[in-house]
Amino acid sequence: MDFTTIEFTLSNKDIKRFYSKLSIQDNNGCINWIGPLRGKGYGYMNIDRSKIKSNRIAWQIKNGPIPKGKLVLHKCDNPKCCNPDHLYLGNFGDNMTDRCSRTTVRMGRVTDLTEHDINRITELYKNGKTQKSIAKELGFTQSYISMLINKQRGKNLS
């Protein structure tokens, strides 16, 4: 079963557990999930023996049930974000259109890195981590990390 479209009901205990796994970790207003992750970095929580995405839980707490067939998408391009103000409802086509618009802008090549990921890499480097250690931690080559950092520097200079 596709865990992105499962209908679920939240108990007070579930809501309390959900809030215990959130942390404000960046300057973009994202409220990041610090619990378990799946797939491409999306948070999830077990509810009624089903794995429910953390962004879907956040949406439902603030806005009520998610209409059948709808996905909860991110405006901020941060899969860990659970800030309801950064979320919106859409369908699979909306999600693909949004993803394609972001990836074509991203250094002229398709990559699974989000703007959030690239900003994180840049911050790690600015805070003294070496390109080699960042590459090892994130599973990339040092030369790829170097290219990302240099591309970001170029943006900051213009």
N, C-alpha and C. Protein backbone atom coordinates (compact mmCIF):
# COMPACT_ATOMS: atom_id res chain seq x y z
N MET A 1 0.84 -1.19 0.00
CA MET A 1 0.00 0.00 0.00
C MET A 1 0.88 1.25 0.00
N ASP A 2 0.49 2.24 -0.74
CA ASP A 2 1.23 3.50 -0.83
C ASP A 2 1.00 4.32 0.43
N PHE A 3 2.07 4.53 1.22
CA PHE A 3 1.91 5.20 2.50
C PHE A 3 1.64 6.69 2.37
N THR A 4 1.60 7.24 1.16
CA THR A 4 1.31 8.67 1.02
C THR A 4 -0.19 8.95 0.97
N THR A 5 -1.02 7.94 0.75
CA THR A 5 -2.44 8.20 0.58
C THR A 5 -3.32 7.46 1.59
N ILE A 6 -2.74 6.85 2.60
CA ILE A 6 -3.51 6.13 3.61
C ILE A 6 -4.34 7.11 4.42
N GLU A 7 -5.61 6.79 4.63
CA GLU A 7 -6.44 7.61 5.51
C GLU A 7 -6.11 7.23 6.94
N PHE A 8 -6.13 8.20 7.83
CA PHE A 8 -5.76 7.92 9.22
C PHE A 8 -6.49 8.86 10.16
N THR A 9 -6.61 8.42 11.40
CA THR A 9 -7.22 9.22 12.46
C THR A 9 -6.18 9.40 13.54
N LEU A 10 -6.05 10.61 14.03
CA LEU A 10 -5.06 10.92 15.05
C LEU A 10 -5.69 10.95 16.44
N SER A 11 -5.05 10.24 17.35
CA SER A 11 -5.47 10.32 18.76
C SER A 11 -4.67 11.45 19.42
N ASN A 12 -5.07 11.85 20.61
CA ASN A 12 -4.30 12.86 21.35
C ASN A 12 -2.88 12.36 21.61
N LYS A 13 -2.74 11.07 21.86
CA LYS A 13 -1.43 10.46 22.10
C LYS A 13 -0.56 10.58 20.84
N ASP A 14 -1.16 10.34 19.66
CA ASP A 14 -0.42 10.47 18.39
C ASP A 14 0.06 11.91 18.19
N ILE A 15 -0.81 12.87 18.47
CA ILE A 15 -0.47 14.28 18.28
C ILE A 15 0.66 14.68 19.21
N LYS A 16 0.59 14.24 20.46
CA LYS A 16 1.64 14.53 21.42
C LYS A 16 2.97 13.92 20.96
N ARG A 17 2.94 12.68 20.49
CA ARG A 17 4.15 12.00 19.99
C ARG A 17 4.70 12.74 18.77
N PHE A 18 3.81 13.19 17.88
CA PHE A 18 4.22 13.94 16.69
C PHE A 18 4.99 15.20 17.09
N TYR A 19 4.43 16.00 17.99
CA TYR A 19 5.07 17.26 18.41
C TYR A 19 6.42 17.02 19.08
N SER A 20 6.60 15.85 19.71
CA SER A 20 7.88 15.56 20.37
C SER A 20 9.00 15.30 19.37
N LYS A 21 8.65 15.14 18.09
CA LYS A 21 9.65 14.83 17.07
C LYS A 21 9.89 15.99 16.10
N LEU A 22 9.63 17.21 16.57
CA LEU A 22 9.81 18.40 15.74
C LEU A 22 10.89 19.29 16.32
N SER A 23 11.59 20.00 15.42
CA SER A 23 12.63 20.93 15.85
C SER A 23 12.75 22.05 14.82
N ILE A 24 12.84 23.29 15.29
CA ILE A 24 13.09 24.40 14.37
C ILE A 24 14.60 24.46 14.20
N GLN A 25 15.08 24.13 12.97
CA GLN A 25 16.51 23.98 12.76
C GLN A 25 17.10 24.91 11.71
N ASP A 26 16.32 25.74 11.10
CA ASP A 26 16.90 26.63 10.08
C ASP A 26 16.22 27.98 10.07
N ASN A 27 16.74 28.88 9.27
CA ASN A 27 16.23 30.25 9.21
C ASN A 27 15.10 30.42 8.20
N ASN A 28 14.69 29.34 7.54
CA ASN A 28 13.65 29.43 6.52
C ASN A 28 12.25 29.26 7.09
N GLY A 29 12.15 29.13 8.41
CA GLY A 29 10.84 28.93 9.03
C GLY A 29 10.38 27.48 9.00
N CYS A 30 11.25 26.58 8.55
CA CYS A 30 10.89 25.17 8.52
C CYS A 30 10.84 24.62 9.94
N ILE A 31 9.87 23.77 10.18
CA ILE A 31 9.79 23.01 11.42
C ILE A 31 10.14 21.59 11.01
N ASN A 32 11.35 21.17 11.35
CA ASN A 32 11.89 19.92 10.82
C ASN A 32 11.56 18.71 11.67
N TRP A 33 11.28 17.62 10.99
CA TRP A 33 11.02 16.33 11.60
C TRP A 33 12.37 15.74 12.01
N ILE A 34 12.48 15.29 13.26
CA ILE A 34 13.72 14.69 13.73
C ILE A 34 13.52 13.22 14.10
N GLY A 35 12.38 12.67 13.70
CA GLY A 35 12.10 11.26 13.91
C GLY A 35 12.62 10.43 12.74
N PRO A 36 12.12 9.20 12.58
CA PRO A 36 12.59 8.32 11.51
C PRO A 36 12.28 8.88 10.12
N LEU A 37 13.15 8.53 9.15
CA LEU A 37 13.00 8.99 7.77
C LEU A 37 12.85 7.81 6.84
N ARG A 38 12.23 8.07 5.69
CA ARG A 38 12.06 7.08 4.64
C ARG A 38 12.35 7.71 3.30
N GLY A 39 12.61 6.86 2.33
CA GLY A 39 12.74 7.33 0.95
C GLY A 39 13.77 8.44 0.82
N LYS A 40 13.36 9.56 0.29
CA LYS A 40 14.26 10.69 0.03
C LYS A 40 14.26 11.69 1.18
N GLY A 41 14.23 11.19 2.40
CA GLY A 41 14.34 12.06 3.57
C GLY A 41 13.02 12.53 4.15
N TYR A 42 11.92 11.86 3.80
CA TYR A 42 10.62 12.23 4.34
C TYR A 42 10.41 11.55 5.69
N GLY A 43 9.94 12.34 6.67
CA GLY A 43 9.65 11.79 7.98
C GLY A 43 8.38 10.96 7.95
N TYR A 44 8.29 10.05 8.89
CA TYR A 44 7.07 9.27 9.03
C TYR A 44 6.87 8.88 10.48
N MET A 45 5.64 8.49 10.78
CA MET A 45 5.29 8.02 12.11
C MET A 45 4.30 6.87 11.94
N ASN A 46 4.42 5.86 12.77
CA ASN A 46 3.48 4.74 12.73
C ASN A 46 2.20 5.12 13.45
N ILE A 47 1.09 5.01 12.73
CA ILE A 47 -0.23 5.26 13.30
C ILE A 47 -1.13 4.13 12.85
N ASP A 48 -1.77 3.47 13.79
CA ASP A 48 -2.67 2.35 13.47
C ASP A 48 -2.00 1.35 12.53
N ARG A 49 -0.75 1.00 12.81
CA ARG A 49 0.02 0.02 12.04
C ARG A 49 0.33 0.44 10.61
N SER A 50 0.24 1.72 10.33
CA SER A 50 0.59 2.25 9.01
C SER A 50 1.65 3.33 9.17
N LYS A 51 2.54 3.44 8.19
CA LYS A 51 3.54 4.49 8.19
C LYS A 51 2.93 5.72 7.51
N ILE A 52 2.78 6.80 8.28
CA ILE A 52 2.16 8.03 7.77
C ILE A 52 3.23 9.11 7.68
N LYS A 53 3.30 9.78 6.53
CA LYS A 53 4.29 10.85 6.35
C LYS A 53 4.03 11.99 7.34
N SER A 54 5.12 12.52 7.87
CA SER A 54 5.00 13.58 8.88
C SER A 54 4.33 14.84 8.33
N ASN A 55 4.55 15.16 7.05
CA ASN A 55 3.90 16.35 6.49
C ASN A 55 2.38 16.16 6.40
N ARG A 56 1.94 14.93 6.17
CA ARG A 56 0.50 14.64 6.13
C ARG A 56 -0.12 14.80 7.53
N ILE A 57 0.64 14.37 8.53
CA ILE A 57 0.16 14.52 9.91
C ILE A 57 0.04 16.01 10.25
N ALA A 58 1.08 16.77 9.91
CA ALA A 58 1.06 18.21 10.18
C ALA A 58 -0.13 18.88 9.51
N TRP A 59 -0.38 18.53 8.24
CA TRP A 59 -1.51 19.10 7.52
C TRP A 59 -2.82 18.79 8.23
N GLN A 60 -2.99 17.52 8.60
CA GLN A 60 -4.25 17.10 9.20
C GLN A 60 -4.48 17.74 10.57
N ILE A 61 -3.42 17.92 11.35
CA ILE A 61 -3.58 18.57 12.65
C ILE A 61 -4.11 19.99 12.48
N LYS A 62 -3.58 20.73 11.50
CA LYS A 62 -3.99 22.13 11.31
C LYS A 62 -5.26 22.28 10.47
N ASN A 63 -5.42 21.44 9.43
CA ASN A 63 -6.47 21.67 8.45
C ASN A 63 -7.56 20.61 8.38
N GLY A 64 -7.40 19.52 9.11
CA GLY A 64 -8.40 18.45 9.05
C GLY A 64 -8.02 17.41 8.00
N PRO A 65 -8.91 16.46 7.77
CA PRO A 65 -8.60 15.34 6.87
C PRO A 65 -8.17 15.79 5.46
N ILE A 66 -7.30 15.00 4.89
CA ILE A 66 -6.79 15.25 3.54
C ILE A 66 -7.76 14.61 2.56
N PRO A 67 -8.27 15.37 1.59
CA PRO A 67 -9.21 14.79 0.62
C PRO A 67 -8.59 13.60 -0.12
N LYS A 68 -9.40 12.63 -0.40
CA LYS A 68 -8.95 11.42 -1.09
C LYS A 68 -8.26 11.79 -2.41
N GLY A 69 -7.11 11.17 -2.64
CA GLY A 69 -6.36 11.40 -3.86
C GLY A 69 -5.43 12.59 -3.83
N LYS A 70 -5.43 13.34 -2.75
CA LYS A 70 -4.57 14.52 -2.65
C LYS A 70 -3.26 14.19 -1.94
N LEU A 71 -2.21 14.85 -2.37
CA LEU A 71 -0.90 14.76 -1.74
C LEU A 71 -0.66 16.04 -0.96
N VAL A 72 0.16 15.97 0.07
CA VAL A 72 0.57 17.16 0.81
C VAL A 72 1.97 17.50 0.31
N LEU A 73 2.10 18.64 -0.36
CA LEU A 73 3.35 19.04 -1.01
C LEU A 73 4.03 20.16 -0.23
N HIS A 74 5.32 20.31 -0.48
CA HIS A 74 6.13 21.32 0.21
C HIS A 74 6.40 22.53 -0.68
N LYS A 75 6.12 23.72 -0.18
CA LYS A 75 6.53 24.96 -0.87
C LYS A 75 8.02 25.19 -0.67
N CYS A 76 8.56 24.73 0.45
CA CYS A 76 9.94 25.03 0.83
C CYS A 76 10.94 24.02 0.26
N ASP A 77 10.49 22.97 -0.38
CA ASP A 77 11.38 21.97 -0.98
C ASP A 77 12.24 21.28 0.08
N ASN A 78 11.73 21.16 1.30
CA ASN A 78 12.44 20.50 2.40
C ASN A 78 11.59 19.32 2.85
N PRO A 79 11.96 18.09 2.50
CA PRO A 79 11.11 16.94 2.82
C PRO A 79 10.90 16.70 4.30
N LYS A 80 11.75 17.24 5.16
CA LYS A 80 11.61 17.07 6.61
C LYS A 80 10.67 18.11 7.22
N CYS A 81 10.30 19.12 6.45
CA CYS A 81 9.51 20.23 7.00
C CYS A 81 8.08 19.80 7.31
N CYS A 82 7.63 20.20 8.49
CA CYS A 82 6.26 19.94 8.94
C CYS A 82 5.52 21.23 9.27
N ASN A 83 6.04 22.36 8.82
CA ASN A 83 5.37 23.64 9.06
C ASN A 83 4.14 23.71 8.15
N PRO A 84 2.93 23.73 8.72
CA PRO A 84 1.73 23.75 7.89
C PRO A 84 1.69 24.92 6.91
N ASP A 85 2.36 26.03 7.25
CA ASP A 85 2.39 27.18 6.34
C ASP A 85 3.26 26.92 5.12
N HIS A 86 4.08 25.89 5.16
CA HIS A 86 4.95 25.53 4.03
C HIS A 86 4.34 24.40 3.20
N LEU A 87 3.15 23.96 3.55
CA LEU A 87 2.52 22.81 2.89
C LEU A 87 1.29 23.25 2.09
N TYR A 88 1.01 22.50 1.04
CA TYR A 88 -0.21 22.73 0.27
C TYR A 88 -0.68 21.42 -0.33
N LEU A 89 -1.95 21.36 -0.68
CA LEU A 89 -2.51 20.15 -1.29
C LEU A 89 -2.35 20.19 -2.79
N GLY A 90 -2.08 19.04 -3.37
CA GLY A 90 -1.98 18.92 -4.81
C GLY A 90 -2.13 17.47 -5.21
N ASN A 91 -1.94 17.22 -6.50
CA ASN A 91 -2.00 15.84 -6.98
C ASN A 91 -0.63 15.43 -7.51
N PHE A 92 -0.54 14.24 -8.04
CA PHE A 92 0.74 13.74 -8.54
C PHE A 92 1.30 14.64 -9.64
N GLY A 93 0.44 15.11 -10.53
CA GLY A 93 0.88 16.01 -11.61
C GLY A 93 1.46 17.31 -11.07
N ASP A 94 0.79 17.88 -10.05
CA ASP A 94 1.31 19.10 -9.42
C ASP A 94 2.69 18.85 -8.83
N ASN A 95 2.86 17.70 -8.21
CA ASN A 95 4.13 17.35 -7.59
C ASN A 95 5.23 17.23 -8.64
N MET A 96 4.94 16.59 -9.76
CA MET A 96 5.94 16.43 -10.82
C MET A 96 6.28 17.78 -11.47
N THR A 97 5.27 18.61 -11.69
CA THR A 97 5.51 19.94 -12.27
C THR A 97 6.40 20.76 -11.35
N ASP A 98 6.09 20.73 -10.06
CA ASP A 98 6.89 21.45 -9.07
C ASP A 98 8.31 20.92 -9.03
N ARG A 99 8.46 19.61 -9.02
CA ARG A 99 9.80 19.00 -8.97
C ARG A 99 10.60 19.37 -10.21
N CYS A 100 9.99 19.28 -11.38
CA CYS A 100 10.72 19.59 -12.61
C CYS A 100 11.13 21.06 -12.65
N SER A 101 10.27 21.94 -12.17
CA SER A 101 10.63 23.37 -12.19
C SER A 101 11.81 23.63 -11.27
N ARG A 102 11.92 22.89 -10.19
CA ARG A 102 13.04 23.07 -9.27
C ARG A 102 14.31 22.43 -9.81
N THR A 103 14.22 21.25 -10.41
CA THR A 103 15.44 20.56 -10.85
C THR A 103 16.05 21.23 -12.07
N THR A 104 15.26 21.82 -12.95
CA THR A 104 15.86 22.46 -14.12
C THR A 104 16.63 23.71 -13.73
N VAL A 105 16.23 24.35 -12.65
CA VAL A 105 16.92 25.54 -12.16
C VAL A 105 18.21 25.16 -11.46
N ARG A 106 18.25 23.98 -10.90
CA ARG A 106 19.36 23.55 -10.08
C ARG A 106 20.59 23.23 -10.90
N MET A 107 21.39 24.24 -11.18
CA MET A 107 22.68 24.11 -11.84
C MET A 107 22.60 23.41 -13.19
N GLY A 108 21.48 23.51 -13.86
CA GLY A 108 21.36 22.99 -15.20
C GLY A 108 21.42 21.48 -15.30
N ARG A 109 21.26 20.77 -14.19
CA ARG A 109 21.28 19.31 -14.25
C ARG A 109 20.26 18.76 -13.27
N VAL A 110 19.76 17.57 -13.57
CA VAL A 110 18.78 16.94 -12.70
C VAL A 110 19.53 16.25 -11.56
N THR A 111 19.10 16.53 -10.36
CA THR A 111 19.71 15.94 -9.17
C THR A 111 18.64 15.78 -8.11
N ASP A 112 18.84 14.87 -7.18
CA ASP A 112 17.88 14.70 -6.10
C ASP A 112 18.12 15.67 -4.96
N LEU A 113 19.17 16.49 -5.06
CA LEU A 113 19.42 17.48 -4.02
C LEU A 113 18.41 18.62 -4.14
N THR A 114 17.89 19.03 -3.01
CA THR A 114 16.98 20.17 -2.97
C THR A 114 17.78 21.43 -2.68
N GLU A 115 17.15 22.59 -2.84
CA GLU A 115 17.80 23.85 -2.47
C GLU A 115 18.19 23.81 -1.00
N HIS A 116 17.33 23.21 -0.19
CA HIS A 116 17.61 23.08 1.24
C HIS A 116 18.91 22.29 1.45
N ASP A 117 19.07 21.17 0.70
CA ASP A 117 20.29 20.36 0.81
C ASP A 117 21.53 21.16 0.41
N ILE A 118 21.41 21.90 -0.68
CA ILE A 118 22.55 22.68 -1.18
C ILE A 118 22.91 23.78 -0.17
N ASN A 119 21.91 24.43 0.40
CA ASN A 119 22.18 25.44 1.43
C ASN A 119 22.84 24.82 2.65
N ARG A 120 22.42 23.61 3.00
CA ARG A 120 23.02 22.91 4.15
C ARG A 120 24.48 22.60 3.88
N ILE A 121 24.79 22.13 2.67
CA ILE A 121 26.18 21.84 2.30
C ILE A 121 27.02 23.10 2.39
N THR A 122 26.50 24.20 1.88
CA THR A 122 27.22 25.47 1.92
C THR A 122 27.46 25.91 3.36
N GLU A 123 26.44 25.76 4.23
CA GLU A 123 26.59 26.13 5.64
C GLU A 123 27.63 25.26 6.34
N LEU A 124 27.61 23.94 6.07
CA LEU A 124 28.61 23.04 6.67
C LEU A 124 30.02 23.50 6.31
N TYR A 125 30.18 23.86 5.03
CA TYR A 125 31.49 24.30 4.56
C TYR A 125 31.89 25.62 5.23
N LYS A 126 30.96 26.56 5.30
CA LYS A 126 31.23 27.86 5.93
C LYS A 126 31.59 27.69 7.41
N ASN A 127 31.03 26.63 8.04
CA ASN A 127 31.29 26.39 9.46
C ASN A 127 32.52 25.53 9.70
N GLY A 128 33.35 25.34 8.66
CA GLY A 128 34.64 24.70 8.86
C GLY A 128 34.77 23.24 8.46
N LYS A 129 33.68 22.61 8.01
CA LYS A 129 33.80 21.23 7.56
C LYS A 129 34.51 21.20 6.22
N THR A 130 35.32 20.18 6.00
CA THR A 130 36.02 20.07 4.72
C THR A 130 35.08 19.50 3.66
N GLN A 131 35.41 19.79 2.39
CA GLN A 131 34.61 19.25 1.30
C GLN A 131 34.62 17.72 1.34
N LYS A 132 35.78 17.15 1.66
CA LYS A 132 35.92 15.70 1.72
C LYS A 132 35.01 15.10 2.79
N SER A 133 34.96 15.73 3.99
CA SER A 133 34.12 15.19 5.07
C SER A 133 32.63 15.34 4.74
N ILE A 134 32.27 16.45 4.09
CA ILE A 134 30.87 16.65 3.68
C ILE A 134 30.49 15.59 2.65
N ALA A 135 31.38 15.37 1.68
CA ALA A 135 31.12 14.37 0.64
C ALA A 135 30.93 12.98 1.25
N LYS A 136 31.80 12.62 2.17
CA LYS A 136 31.72 11.30 2.80
C LYS A 136 30.41 11.16 3.59
N GLU A 137 30.07 12.19 4.34
CA GLU A 137 28.85 12.17 5.16
C GLU A 137 27.59 12.03 4.31
N LEU A 138 27.57 12.69 3.14
CA LEU A 138 26.36 12.73 2.32
C LEU A 138 26.37 11.75 1.15
N GLY A 139 27.50 11.05 0.95
CA GLY A 139 27.55 10.05 -0.10
C GLY A 139 27.81 10.60 -1.49
N PHE A 140 28.58 11.68 -1.60
CA PHE A 140 28.95 12.27 -2.88
C PHE A 140 30.45 12.29 -3.01
N THR A 141 30.94 12.64 -4.18
CA THR A 141 32.38 12.82 -4.36
C THR A 141 32.78 14.21 -3.89
N GLN A 142 34.05 14.35 -3.53
CA GLN A 142 34.54 15.66 -3.11
C GLN A 142 34.42 16.66 -4.24
N SER A 143 34.66 16.21 -5.49
CA SER A 143 34.60 17.14 -6.63
C SER A 143 33.17 17.66 -6.84
N TYR A 144 32.16 16.82 -6.58
CA TYR A 144 30.77 17.26 -6.72
C TYR A 144 30.45 18.31 -5.65
N ILE A 145 30.88 18.07 -4.42
CA ILE A 145 30.66 19.02 -3.33
C ILE A 145 31.36 20.34 -3.66
N SER A 146 32.58 20.26 -4.20
CA SER A 146 33.33 21.46 -4.58
C SER A 146 32.55 22.26 -5.62
N MET A 147 32.00 21.57 -6.61
CA MET A 147 31.23 22.24 -7.67
C MET A 147 30.01 22.95 -7.07
N LEU A 148 29.31 22.28 -6.14
CA LEU A 148 28.14 22.89 -5.51
C LEU A 148 28.52 24.14 -4.72
N ILE A 149 29.59 24.03 -3.94
CA ILE A 149 30.03 25.17 -3.11
C ILE A 149 30.47 26.33 -3.99
N ASN A 150 31.22 26.06 -5.05
CA ASN A 150 31.68 27.12 -5.94
C ASN A 150 30.52 27.75 -6.69
N LYS A 151 29.52 26.96 -7.05
CA LYS A 151 28.33 27.49 -7.72
C LYS A 151 27.58 28.44 -6.77
N GLN A 152 27.47 28.06 -5.49
CA GLN A 152 26.81 28.91 -4.50
C GLN A 152 27.59 30.20 -4.29
N ARG A 153 28.93 30.11 -4.25
CA ARG A 153 29.75 31.31 -4.10
C ARG A 153 29.50 32.28 -5.25
N GLY A 154 29.40 31.74 -6.46
CA GLY A 154 29.14 32.57 -7.64
C GLY A 154 27.81 33.28 -7.54
N LYS A 155 26.79 32.59 -7.00
CA LYS A 155 25.47 33.23 -6.82
C LYS A 155 25.57 34.36 -5.82
N ASN A 156 26.35 34.15 -4.76
CA ASN A 156 26.45 35.17 -3.71
C ASN A 156 27.21 36.40 -4.18
N LEU A 157 28.09 36.26 -5.16
CA LEU A 157 28.87 37.38 -5.65
C LEU A 157 28.12 38.24 -6.66
N SER A 158 27.12 37.65 -7.31
CA SER A 158 26.41 38.41 -8.36
C SER A 158 25.29 39.22 -7.82
